[in-house]
PDB file of all heavy atoms in Angstrom:
ATOM      1  N   VAL A   1      -1.924 -23.937  -2.582  1.00  0.00           N
ATOM      2  CA  VAL A   1      -1.239 -24.217  -3.832  1.00  0.00           C
ATOM      3  C   VAL A   1       0.275 -24.368  -3.615  1.00  0.00           C
ATOM      4  O   VAL A   1       0.937 -25.112  -4.334  1.00  0.00           O
ATOM      5  CB  VAL A   1      -1.498 -23.107  -4.843  1.00  0.00           C
ATOM      6  CG1 VAL A   1      -0.708 -23.271  -6.119  1.00  0.00           C
ATOM      7  CG2 VAL A   1      -3.012 -22.968  -5.125  1.00  0.00           C
ATOM      8  N   THR A   2       0.824 -23.725  -2.600  1.00  0.00           N
ATOM      9  CA  THR A   2       2.298 -23.795  -2.381  1.00  0.00           C
ATOM     10  C   THR A   2       2.692 -24.747  -1.298  1.00  0.00           C
ATOM     11  O   THR A   2       3.895 -24.947  -1.056  1.00  0.00           O
ATOM     12  CB  THR A   2       2.863 -22.381  -2.038  1.00  0.00           C
ATOM     13  OG1 THR A   2       2.243 -21.899  -0.823  1.00  0.00           O
ATOM     14  CG2 THR A   2       2.623 -21.404  -3.178  1.00  0.00           C
ATOM     15  N   ALA A   3       1.746 -25.386  -0.611  1.00  0.00           N
ATOM     16  CA  ALA A   3       2.068 -26.247   0.512  1.00  0.00           C
ATOM     17  C   ALA A   3       3.003 -27.354   0.149  1.00  0.00           C
ATOM     18  O   ALA A   3       3.865 -27.767   0.937  1.00  0.00           O
ATOM     19  CB  ALA A   3       0.750 -26.798   1.114  1.00  0.00           C
ATOM     20  N   TYR A   4       2.906 -27.921  -1.047  1.00  0.00           N
ATOM     21  CA  TYR A   4       3.750 -29.057  -1.444  1.00  0.00           C
ATOM     22  C   TYR A   4       5.220 -28.688  -1.577  1.00  0.00           C
ATOM     23  O   TYR A   4       6.086 -29.554  -1.563  1.00  0.00           O
ATOM     24  CB  TYR A   4       3.247 -29.588  -2.795  1.00  0.00           C
ATOM     25  CG  TYR A   4       3.679 -28.831  -3.976  1.00  0.00           C
ATOM     26  CD1 TYR A   4       4.841 -29.160  -4.691  1.00  0.00           C
ATOM     27  CD2 TYR A   4       2.996 -27.704  -4.405  1.00  0.00           C
ATOM     28  CE1 TYR A   4       5.268 -28.438  -5.770  1.00  0.00           C
ATOM     29  CE2 TYR A   4       3.447 -26.947  -5.485  1.00  0.00           C
ATOM     30  CZ  TYR A   4       4.566 -27.313  -6.167  1.00  0.00           C
ATOM     31  OH  TYR A   4       4.994 -26.568  -7.244  1.00  0.00           O
ATOM     32  N   LEU A   5       5.523 -27.394  -1.686  1.00  0.00           N
ATOM     33  CA  LEU A   5       6.927 -27.007  -1.941  1.00  0.00           C
ATOM     34  C   LEU A   5       7.827 -27.391  -0.801  1.00  0.00           C
ATOM     35  O   LEU A   5       9.030 -27.664  -1.028  1.00  0.00           O
ATOM     36  CB  LEU A   5       6.976 -25.494  -2.162  1.00  0.00           C
ATOM     37  CG  LEU A   5       6.241 -24.932  -3.394  1.00  0.00           C
ATOM     38  CD1 LEU A   5       6.256 -23.410  -3.378  1.00  0.00           C
ATOM     39  CD2 LEU A   5       6.847 -25.457  -4.638  1.00  0.00           C
ATOM     40  N   LYS A   6       7.325 -27.425   0.420  1.00  0.00           N
ATOM     41  CA  LYS A   6       8.162 -27.750   1.577  1.00  0.00           C
ATOM     42  C   LYS A   6       8.748 -29.136   1.521  1.00  0.00           C
ATOM     43  O   LYS A   6       9.750 -29.448   2.096  1.00  0.00           O
ATOM     44  CB  LYS A   6       7.412 -27.533   2.889  1.00  0.00           C
ATOM     45  CG  LYS A   6       6.275 -28.515   3.138  1.00  0.00           C
ATOM     46  CD  LYS A   6       5.578 -28.205   4.428  1.00  0.00           C
ATOM     47  CE  LYS A   6       4.416 -29.093   4.732  1.00  0.00           C
ATOM     48  NZ  LYS A   6       3.389 -29.135   3.702  1.00  0.00           N
ATOM     49  N   ASP A   7       8.063 -30.041   0.735  1.00  0.00           N
ATOM     50  CA  ASP A   7       8.563 -31.422   0.622  1.00  0.00           C
ATOM     51  C   ASP A   7       9.658 -31.549  -0.419  1.00  0.00           C
ATOM     52  O   ASP A   7      10.357 -32.566  -0.458  1.00  0.00           O
ATOM     53  CB  ASP A   7       7.426 -32.354   0.253  1.00  0.00           C
ATOM     54  CG  ASP A   7       6.337 -32.384   1.337  1.00  0.00           C
ATOM     55  OD1 ASP A   7       6.665 -32.215   2.520  1.00  0.00           O
ATOM     56  OD2 ASP A   7       5.122 -32.494   0.961  1.00  0.00           O
ATOM     57  N   LYS A   8       9.822 -30.546  -1.257  1.00  0.00           N
ATOM     58  CA  LYS A   8      10.745 -30.647  -2.381  1.00  0.00           C
ATOM     59  C   LYS A   8      11.878 -29.637  -2.354  1.00  0.00           C
ATOM     60  O   LYS A   8      12.955 -29.850  -2.905  1.00  0.00           O
ATOM     61  CB  LYS A   8       9.939 -30.489  -3.678  1.00  0.00           C
ATOM     62  CG  LYS A   8      10.737 -30.813  -4.925  1.00  0.00           C
ATOM     63  CD  LYS A   8       9.871 -30.853  -6.141  1.00  0.00           C
ATOM     64  CE  LYS A   8      10.715 -31.165  -7.358  1.00  0.00           C
ATOM     65  NZ  LYS A   8       9.982 -31.144  -8.610  1.00  0.00           N
ATOM     66  N   TYR A   9      11.638 -28.484  -1.706  1.00  0.00           N
ATOM     67  CA  TYR A   9      12.598 -27.354  -1.788  1.00  0.00           C
ATOM     68  C   TYR A   9      12.950 -26.830  -0.355  1.00  0.00           C
ATOM     69  O   TYR A   9      12.184 -27.046   0.589  1.00  0.00           O
ATOM     70  CB  TYR A   9      12.020 -26.196  -2.584  1.00  0.00           C
ATOM     71  CG  TYR A   9      11.603 -26.583  -3.965  1.00  0.00           C
ATOM     72  CD1 TYR A   9      10.280 -26.749  -4.273  1.00  0.00           C
ATOM     73  CD2 TYR A   9      12.565 -26.746  -5.002  1.00  0.00           C
ATOM     74  CE1 TYR A   9       9.890 -27.090  -5.606  1.00  0.00           C
ATOM     75  CE2 TYR A   9      12.186 -27.102  -6.254  1.00  0.00           C
ATOM     76  CZ  TYR A   9      10.846 -27.255  -6.549  1.00  0.00           C
ATOM     77  OH  TYR A   9      10.464 -27.593  -7.849  1.00  0.00           O
ATOM     78  N   ASN A  10      14.026 -26.103  -0.309  1.00  0.00           N
ATOM     79  CA  ASN A  10      14.331 -25.336   0.892  1.00  0.00           C
ATOM     80  C   ASN A  10      13.507 -24.043   0.828  1.00  0.00           C
ATOM     81  O   ASN A  10      13.807 -23.153   0.033  1.00  0.00           O
ATOM     82  CB  ASN A  10      15.863 -25.017   0.912  1.00  0.00           C
ATOM     83  CG  ASN A  10      16.248 -24.283   2.152  1.00  0.00           C
ATOM     84  OD1 ASN A  10      15.584 -24.350   3.194  1.00  0.00           O
ATOM     85  ND2 ASN A  10      17.343 -23.530   2.038  1.00  0.00           N
ATOM     86  N   VAL A  11      12.420 -23.994   1.567  1.00  0.00           N
ATOM     87  CA  VAL A  11      11.457 -22.907   1.393  1.00  0.00           C
ATOM     88  C   VAL A  11      11.093 -22.244   2.721  1.00  0.00           C
ATOM     89  O   VAL A  11      11.069 -22.909   3.789  1.00  0.00           O
ATOM     90  CB  VAL A  11      10.170 -23.424   0.696  1.00  0.00           C
ATOM     91  CG1 VAL A  11       9.447 -24.461   1.490  1.00  0.00           C
ATOM     92  CG2 VAL A  11       9.246 -22.312   0.284  1.00  0.00           C
ATOM     93  N   LYS A  12      10.872 -20.953   2.660  1.00  0.00           N
ATOM     94  CA  LYS A  12      10.313 -20.166   3.788  1.00  0.00           C
ATOM     95  C   LYS A  12       9.030 -19.568   3.300  1.00  0.00           C
ATOM     96  O   LYS A  12       8.958 -19.037   2.178  1.00  0.00           O
ATOM     97  CB  LYS A  12      11.271 -19.064   4.243  1.00  0.00           C
ATOM     98  CG  LYS A  12      12.527 -19.546   4.897  1.00  0.00           C
ATOM     99  CD  LYS A  12      12.230 -19.926   6.308  1.00  0.00           C
ATOM    100  CE  LYS A  12      13.572 -20.307   6.978  1.00  0.00           C
ATOM    101  NZ  LYS A  12      13.381 -20.884   8.282  1.00  0.00           N
ATOM    102  N   TYR A  13       8.020 -19.639   4.149  1.00  0.00           N
ATOM    103  CA  TYR A  13       6.714 -19.129   3.757  1.00  0.00           C
ATOM    104  C   TYR A  13       6.433 -17.782   4.454  1.00  0.00           C
ATOM    105  O   TYR A  13       6.752 -17.609   5.621  1.00  0.00           O
ATOM    106  CB  TYR A  13       5.602 -20.115   4.143  1.00  0.00           C
ATOM    107  CG  TYR A  13       5.596 -21.384   3.315  1.00  0.00           C
ATOM    108  CD1 TYR A  13       6.017 -22.577   3.870  1.00  0.00           C
ATOM    109  CD2 TYR A  13       5.143 -21.333   2.002  1.00  0.00           C
ATOM    110  CE1 TYR A  13       5.980 -23.733   3.090  1.00  0.00           C
ATOM    111  CE2 TYR A  13       5.119 -22.474   1.241  1.00  0.00           C
ATOM    112  CZ  TYR A  13       5.510 -23.687   1.776  1.00  0.00           C
ATOM    113  OH  TYR A  13       5.484 -24.843   1.038  1.00  0.00           O
ATOM    114  N   LEU A  14       5.752 -16.916   3.734  1.00  0.00           N
ATOM    115  CA  LEU A  14       5.226 -15.705   4.310  1.00  0.00           C
ATOM    116  C   LEU A  14       3.693 -15.798   4.277  1.00  0.00           C
ATOM    117  O   LEU A  14       3.138 -16.675   3.626  1.00  0.00           O
ATOM    118  CB  LEU A  14       5.688 -14.502   3.452  1.00  0.00           C
ATOM    119  CG  LEU A  14       7.209 -14.334   3.375  1.00  0.00           C
ATOM    120  CD1 LEU A  14       7.560 -13.179   2.405  1.00  0.00           C
ATOM    121  CD2 LEU A  14       7.799 -14.102   4.750  1.00  0.00           C
ATOM    122  N   LYS A  15       3.070 -14.884   5.003  1.00  0.00           N
ATOM    123  CA  LYS A  15       1.594 -14.899   5.091  1.00  0.00           C
ATOM    124  C   LYS A  15       0.980 -14.488   3.791  1.00  0.00           C
ATOM    125  O   LYS A  15       1.414 -13.556   3.103  1.00  0.00           O
ATOM    126  CB  LYS A  15       1.123 -13.940   6.169  1.00  0.00           C
ATOM    127  CG  LYS A  15       1.477 -14.406   7.575  1.00  0.00           C
ATOM    128  CD  LYS A  15       0.901 -13.414   8.560  1.00  0.00           C
ATOM    129  CE  LYS A  15       1.214 -13.863   9.998  1.00  0.00           C
ATOM    130  NZ  LYS A  15       0.705 -12.929  10.970  1.00  0.00           N
ATOM    131  N   TYR A  16      -0.057 -15.223   3.425  1.00  0.00           N
ATOM    132  CA  TYR A  16      -0.835 -14.847   2.246  1.00  0.00           C
ATOM    133  C   TYR A  16      -1.906 -13.877   2.726  1.00  0.00           C
ATOM    134  O   TYR A  16      -2.608 -14.154   3.704  1.00  0.00           O
ATOM    135  CB  TYR A  16      -1.458 -16.089   1.580  1.00  0.00           C
ATOM    136  CG  TYR A  16      -2.423 -15.743   0.453  1.00  0.00           C
ATOM    137  CD1 TYR A  16      -1.950 -15.230  -0.732  1.00  0.00           C
ATOM    138  CD2 TYR A  16      -3.780 -15.938   0.609  1.00  0.00           C
ATOM    139  CE1 TYR A  16      -2.791 -14.907  -1.762  1.00  0.00           C
ATOM    140  CE2 TYR A  16      -4.648 -15.599  -0.454  1.00  0.00           C
ATOM    141  CZ  TYR A  16      -4.153 -15.124  -1.625  1.00  0.00           C
ATOM    142  OH  TYR A  16      -5.013 -14.826  -2.632  1.00  0.00           O
ATOM    143  N   GLY A  17      -2.100 -12.777   2.033  1.00  0.00           N
ATOM    144  CA  GLY A  17      -3.056 -11.781   2.486  1.00  0.00           C
ATOM    145  C   GLY A  17      -3.939 -11.275   1.382  1.00  0.00           C
ATOM    146  O   GLY A  17      -3.583 -10.253   0.809  1.00  0.00           O
ATOM    147  N   PRO A  18      -5.013 -11.961   1.073  1.00  0.00           N
ATOM    148  CA  PRO A  18      -5.920 -11.356   0.066  1.00  0.00           C
ATOM    149  C   PRO A  18      -6.435 -10.008   0.568  1.00  0.00           C
ATOM    150  O   PRO A  18      -6.609  -9.844   1.782  1.00  0.00           O
ATOM    151  CB  PRO A  18      -7.039 -12.417  -0.029  1.00  0.00           C
ATOM    152  CG  PRO A  18      -6.992 -13.229   1.217  1.00  0.00           C
ATOM    153  CD  PRO A  18      -5.551 -13.128   1.706  1.00  0.00           C
ATOM    154  N   ASN A  19      -6.694  -9.129  -0.345  1.00  0.00           N
ATOM    155  CA  ASN A  19      -7.040  -7.742   0.067  1.00  0.00           C
ATOM    156  C   ASN A  19      -8.511  -7.494   0.255  1.00  0.00           C
ATOM    157  O   ASN A  19      -8.972  -6.384   0.214  1.00  0.00           O
ATOM    158  CB  ASN A  19      -6.418  -6.740  -0.906  1.00  0.00           C
ATOM    159  CG  ASN A  19      -6.939  -6.919  -2.312  1.00  0.00           C
ATOM    160  OD1 ASN A  19      -7.822  -7.721  -2.572  1.00  0.00           O
ATOM    161  ND2 ASN A  19      -6.313  -6.182  -3.237  1.00  0.00           N
ATOM    162  N   LYS A  20      -9.288  -8.558   0.517  1.00  0.00           N
ATOM    163  CA  LYS A  20     -10.729  -8.377   0.780  1.00  0.00           C
ATOM    164  C   LYS A  20     -10.961  -7.676   2.105  1.00  0.00           C
ATOM    165  O   LYS A  20     -11.850  -6.854   2.220  1.00  0.00           O
ATOM    166  CB  LYS A  20     -11.453  -9.743   0.734  1.00  0.00           C
ATOM    167  CG  LYS A  20     -11.445 -10.387  -0.610  1.00  0.00           C
ATOM    168  CD  LYS A  20     -12.000 -11.754  -0.614  1.00  0.00           C
ATOM    169  CE  LYS A  20     -11.841 -12.374  -1.988  1.00  0.00           C
ATOM    170  NZ  LYS A  20     -11.939 -13.795  -1.996  1.00  0.00           N
ATOM    171  N   ASN A  21     -10.195  -8.027   3.093  1.00  0.00           N
ATOM    172  CA  ASN A  21     -10.281  -7.405   4.421  1.00  0.00           C
ATOM    173  C   ASN A  21      -9.074  -6.417   4.522  1.00  0.00           C
ATOM    174  O   ASN A  21      -7.952  -6.869   4.736  1.00  0.00           O
ATOM    175  CB  ASN A  21     -10.251  -8.438   5.515  1.00  0.00           C
ATOM    176  CG  ASN A  21     -10.323  -7.837   6.888  1.00  0.00           C
ATOM    177  OD1 ASN A  21      -9.775  -6.751   7.153  1.00  0.00           O
ATOM    178  ND2 ASN A  21     -10.899  -8.585   7.821  1.00  0.00           N
ATOM    179  N   LYS A  22      -9.297  -5.145   4.362  1.00  0.00           N
ATOM    180  CA  LYS A  22      -8.199  -4.175   4.281  1.00  0.00           C
ATOM    181  C   LYS A  22      -7.323  -4.150   5.546  1.00  0.00           C
ATOM    182  O   LYS A  22      -6.116  -4.016   5.402  1.00  0.00           O
ATOM    183  CB  LYS A  22      -8.759  -2.775   3.996  1.00  0.00           C
ATOM    184  CG  LYS A  22      -9.525  -2.648   2.721  1.00  0.00           C
ATOM    185  CD  LYS A  22      -8.624  -2.876   1.513  1.00  0.00           C
ATOM    186  CE  LYS A  22      -9.412  -2.694   0.219  1.00  0.00           C
ATOM    187  NZ  LYS A  22      -8.802  -3.184  -0.942  1.00  0.00           N
ATOM    188  N   VAL A  23      -7.919  -4.264   6.701  1.00  0.00           N
ATOM    189  CA  VAL A  23      -7.132  -4.199   7.946  1.00  0.00           C
ATOM    190  C   VAL A  23      -6.205  -5.413   8.020  1.00  0.00           C
ATOM    191  O   VAL A  23      -5.010  -5.288   8.267  1.00  0.00           O
ATOM    192  CB  VAL A  23      -8.070  -4.136   9.187  1.00  0.00           C
ATOM    193  CG1 VAL A  23      -7.262  -4.282  10.487  1.00  0.00           C
ATOM    194  CG2 VAL A  23      -8.869  -2.829   9.179  1.00  0.00           C
ATOM    195  N   LYS A  24      -6.748  -6.632   7.744  1.00  0.00           N
ATOM    196  CA  LYS A  24      -5.954  -7.823   7.788  1.00  0.00           C
ATOM    197  C   LYS A  24      -4.855  -7.749   6.688  1.00  0.00           C
ATOM    198  O   LYS A  24      -3.742  -8.194   6.949  1.00  0.00           O
ATOM    199  CB  LYS A  24      -6.832  -9.052   7.560  1.00  0.00           C
ATOM    200  CG  LYS A  24      -6.091 -10.353   7.708  1.00  0.00           C
ATOM    201  CD  LYS A  24      -7.031 -11.563   7.595  1.00  0.00           C
ATOM    202  CE  LYS A  24      -6.269 -12.834   7.798  1.00  0.00           C
ATOM    203  NZ  LYS A  24      -7.087 -13.995   7.675  1.00  0.00           N
ATOM    204  N   TYR A  25      -5.199  -7.220   5.563  1.00  0.00           N
ATOM    205  CA  TYR A  25      -4.234  -7.080   4.479  1.00  0.00           C
ATOM    206  C   TYR A  25      -3.062  -6.235   4.882  1.00  0.00           C
ATOM    207  O   TYR A  25      -1.895  -6.612   4.677  1.00  0.00           O
ATOM    208  CB  TYR A  25      -4.966  -6.476   3.244  1.00  0.00           C
ATOM    209  CG  TYR A  25      -4.112  -6.276   2.048  1.00  0.00           C
ATOM    210  CD1 TYR A  25      -3.593  -7.344   1.317  1.00  0.00           C
ATOM    211  CD2 TYR A  25      -3.806  -5.010   1.586  1.00  0.00           C
ATOM    212  CE1 TYR A  25      -2.789  -7.185   0.200  1.00  0.00           C
ATOM    213  CE2 TYR A  25      -3.006  -4.850   0.459  1.00  0.00           C
ATOM    214  CZ  TYR A  25      -2.512  -5.901  -0.237  1.00  0.00           C
ATOM    215  OH  TYR A  25      -1.737  -5.712  -1.350  1.00  0.00           O
ATOM    216  N   VAL A  26      -3.312  -5.074   5.482  1.00  0.00           N
ATOM    217  CA  VAL A  26      -2.258  -4.194   5.902  1.00  0.00           C
ATOM    218  C   VAL A  26      -1.407  -4.839   7.007  1.00  0.00           C
ATOM    219  O   VAL A  26      -0.174  -4.767   6.975  1.00  0.00           O
ATOM    220  CB  VAL A  26      -2.801  -2.843   6.386  1.00  0.00           C
ATOM    221  CG1 VAL A  26      -1.758  -1.971   7.087  1.00  0.00           C
ATOM    222  CG2 VAL A  26      -3.410  -2.066   5.207  1.00  0.00           C
ATOM    223  N   LEU A  27      -2.063  -5.527   7.964  1.00  0.00           N
ATOM    224  CA  LEU A  27      -1.318  -6.195   9.007  1.00  0.00           C
ATOM    225  C   LEU A  27      -0.428  -7.339   8.443  1.00  0.00           C
ATOM    226  O   LEU A  27       0.721  -7.531   8.877  1.00  0.00           O
ATOM    227  CB  LEU A  27      -2.281  -6.759  10.055  1.00  0.00           C
ATOM    228  CG  LEU A  27      -2.997  -5.701  10.891  1.00  0.00           C
ATOM    229  CD1 LEU A  27      -4.031  -6.386  11.817  1.00  0.00           C
ATOM    230  CD2 LEU A  27      -2.029  -4.867  11.679  1.00  0.00           C
ATOM    231  N   ASN A  28      -0.908  -8.032   7.444  1.00  0.00           N
ATOM    232  CA  ASN A  28      -0.121  -9.070   6.795  1.00  0.00           C
ATOM    233  C   ASN A  28       1.076  -8.446   6.059  1.00  0.00           C
ATOM    234  O   ASN A  28       2.160  -9.023   6.101  1.00  0.00           O
ATOM    235  CB  ASN A  28      -0.948  -9.891   5.815  1.00  0.00           C
ATOM    236  CG  ASN A  28      -1.794 -10.955   6.502  1.00  0.00           C
ATOM    237  OD1 ASN A  28      -1.557 -11.298   7.664  1.00  0.00           O
ATOM    238  ND2 ASN A  28      -2.770 -11.469   5.789  1.00  0.00           N
ATOM    239  N   ILE A  29       0.894  -7.309   5.431  1.00  0.00           N
ATOM    240  CA  ILE A  29       2.020  -6.644   4.725  1.00  0.00           C
ATOM    241  C   ILE A  29       3.104  -6.315   5.745  1.00  0.00           C
ATOM    242  O   ILE A  29       4.272  -6.557   5.543  1.00  0.00           O
ATOM    243  CB  ILE A  29       1.545  -5.410   3.962  1.00  0.00           C
ATOM    244  CG1 ILE A  29       0.780  -5.800   2.720  1.00  0.00           C
ATOM    245  CG2 ILE A  29       2.703  -4.490   3.636  1.00  0.00           C
ATOM    246  CD1 ILE A  29       0.114  -4.660   1.973  1.00  0.00           C
ATOM    247  N   ILE A  30       2.681  -5.683   6.868  1.00  0.00           N
ATOM    248  CA  ILE A  30       3.647  -5.306   7.919  1.00  0.00           C
ATOM    249  C   ILE A  30       4.394  -6.526   8.434  1.00  0.00           C
ATOM    250  O   ILE A  30       5.606  -6.526   8.573  1.00  0.00           O
ATOM    251  CB  ILE A  30       2.933  -4.525   9.009  1.00  0.00           C
ATOM    252  CG1 ILE A  30       2.462  -3.161   8.447  1.00  0.00           C
ATOM    253  CG2 ILE A  30       3.885  -4.334  10.198  1.00  0.00           C
ATOM    254  CD1 ILE A  30       1.458  -2.457   9.368  1.00  0.00           C
ATOM    255  N   SER A  31       3.629  -7.569   8.719  1.00  0.00           N
ATOM    256  CA  SER A  31       4.214  -8.799   9.232  1.00  0.00           C
ATOM    257  C   SER A  31       5.200  -9.385   8.212  1.00  0.00           C
ATOM    258  O   SER A  31       6.322  -9.794   8.562  1.00  0.00           O
ATOM    259  CB  SER A  31       3.114  -9.831   9.511  1.00  0.00           C
ATOM    260  OG  SER A  31       3.675 -11.092   9.825  1.00  0.00           O
ATOM    261  N   ASN A  32       4.811  -9.434   6.938  1.00  0.00           N
ATOM    262  CA  ASN A  32       5.689  -9.967   5.894  1.00  0.00           C
ATOM    263  C   ASN A  32       6.955  -9.166   5.735  1.00  0.00           C
ATOM    264  O   ASN A  32       8.004  -9.715   5.446  1.00  0.00           O
ATOM    265  CB  ASN A  32       4.922 -10.092   4.567  1.00  0.00           C
ATOM    266  CG  ASN A  32       4.044 -11.317   4.584  1.00  0.00           C
ATOM    267  OD1 ASN A  32       4.207 -12.237   5.378  1.00  0.00           O
ATOM    268  ND2 ASN A  32       3.066 -11.355   3.652  1.00  0.00           N
ATOM    269  N   ILE A  33       6.889  -7.830   5.839  1.00  0.00           N
ATOM    270  CA  ILE A  33       8.069  -7.013   5.734  1.00  0.00           C
ATOM    271  C   ILE A  33       9.067  -7.397   6.842  1.00  0.00           C
ATOM    272  O   ILE A  33      10.273  -7.596   6.579  1.00  0.00           O
ATOM    273  CB  ILE A  33       7.712  -5.507   5.792  1.00  0.00           C
ATOM    274  CG1 ILE A  33       7.036  -5.134   4.447  1.00  0.00           C
ATOM    275  CG2 ILE A  33       8.981  -4.672   5.984  1.00  0.00           C
ATOM    276  CD1 ILE A  33       6.385  -3.706   4.455  1.00  0.00           C
ATOM    277  N   PHE A  34       8.559  -7.548   8.050  1.00  0.00           N
ATOM    278  CA  PHE A  34       9.493  -7.908   9.142  1.00  0.00           C
ATOM    279  C   PHE A  34       9.975  -9.332   8.974  1.00  0.00           C
ATOM    280  O   PHE A  34      11.168  -9.593   9.277  1.00  0.00           O
ATOM    281  CB  PHE A  34       8.771  -7.725  10.518  1.00  0.00           C
ATOM    282  CG  PHE A  34       8.708  -6.332  10.968  1.00  0.00           C
ATOM    283  CD1 PHE A  34       7.569  -5.593  10.876  1.00  0.00           C
ATOM    284  CD2 PHE A  34       9.898  -5.703  11.454  1.00  0.00           C
ATOM    285  CE1 PHE A  34       7.528  -4.258  11.291  1.00  0.00           C
ATOM    286  CE2 PHE A  34       9.856  -4.378  11.837  1.00  0.00           C
ATOM    287  CZ  PHE A  34       8.669  -3.638  11.761  1.00  0.00           C
ATOM    288  N   ARG A  35       9.162 -10.214   8.466  1.00  0.00           N
ATOM    289  CA  ARG A  35       9.659 -11.582   8.241  1.00  0.00           C
ATOM    290  C   ARG A  35      10.693 -11.592   7.110  1.00  0.00           C
ATOM    291  O   ARG A  35      11.692 -12.329   7.187  1.00  0.00           O
ATOM    292  CB  ARG A  35       8.473 -12.467   7.866  1.00  0.00           C
ATOM    293  CG  ARG A  35       7.529 -12.707   9.027  1.00  0.00           C
ATOM    294  CD  ARG A  35       6.370 -13.527   8.687  1.00  0.00           C
ATOM    295  NE  ARG A  35       6.815 -14.913   8.585  1.00  0.00           N
ATOM    296  CZ  ARG A  35       6.068 -15.946   8.782  1.00  0.00           C
ATOM    297  NH1 ARG A  35       4.790 -15.780   9.061  1.00  0.00           N
ATOM    298  NH2 ARG A  35       6.543 -17.167   8.670  1.00  0.00           N
ATOM    299  N   CYS A  36      10.551 -10.761   6.077  1.00  0.00           N
ATOM    300  CA  CYS A  36      11.533 -10.645   5.005  1.00  0.00           C
ATOM    301  C   CYS A  36      12.861 -10.142   5.588  1.00  0.00           C
ATOM    302  O   CYS A  36      13.920 -10.667   5.231  1.00  0.00           O
ATOM    303  CB  CYS A  36      11.033  -9.718   3.905  1.00  0.00           C
ATOM    304  SG  CYS A  36       9.737 -10.400   2.855  1.00  0.00           S
ATOM    305  N   ILE A  37      12.791  -9.148   6.425  1.00  0.00           N
ATOM    306  CA  ILE A  37      14.015  -8.661   7.063  1.00  0.00           C
ATOM    307  C   ILE A  37      14.732  -9.757   7.807  1.00  0.00           C
ATOM    308  O   ILE A  37      15.934  -9.970   7.666  1.00  0.00           O
ATOM    309  CB  ILE A  37      13.704  -7.437   7.996  1.00  0.00           C
ATOM    310  CG1 ILE A  37      13.230  -6.260   7.196  1.00  0.00           C
ATOM    311  CG2 ILE A  37      14.962  -7.112   8.858  1.00  0.00           C
ATOM    312  CD1 ILE A  37      12.658  -5.114   8.035  1.00  0.00           C
TER     313      ILE A  37
END
């Protein structure tokens, strides 16, 4: 849904992490925190 934004805006993407897989979800949160920093 957000892929088109890169063609129109100055955008940085973070990982999307649906919480169906709890381990992957937690790893994505940790990764996103470091990317935000």
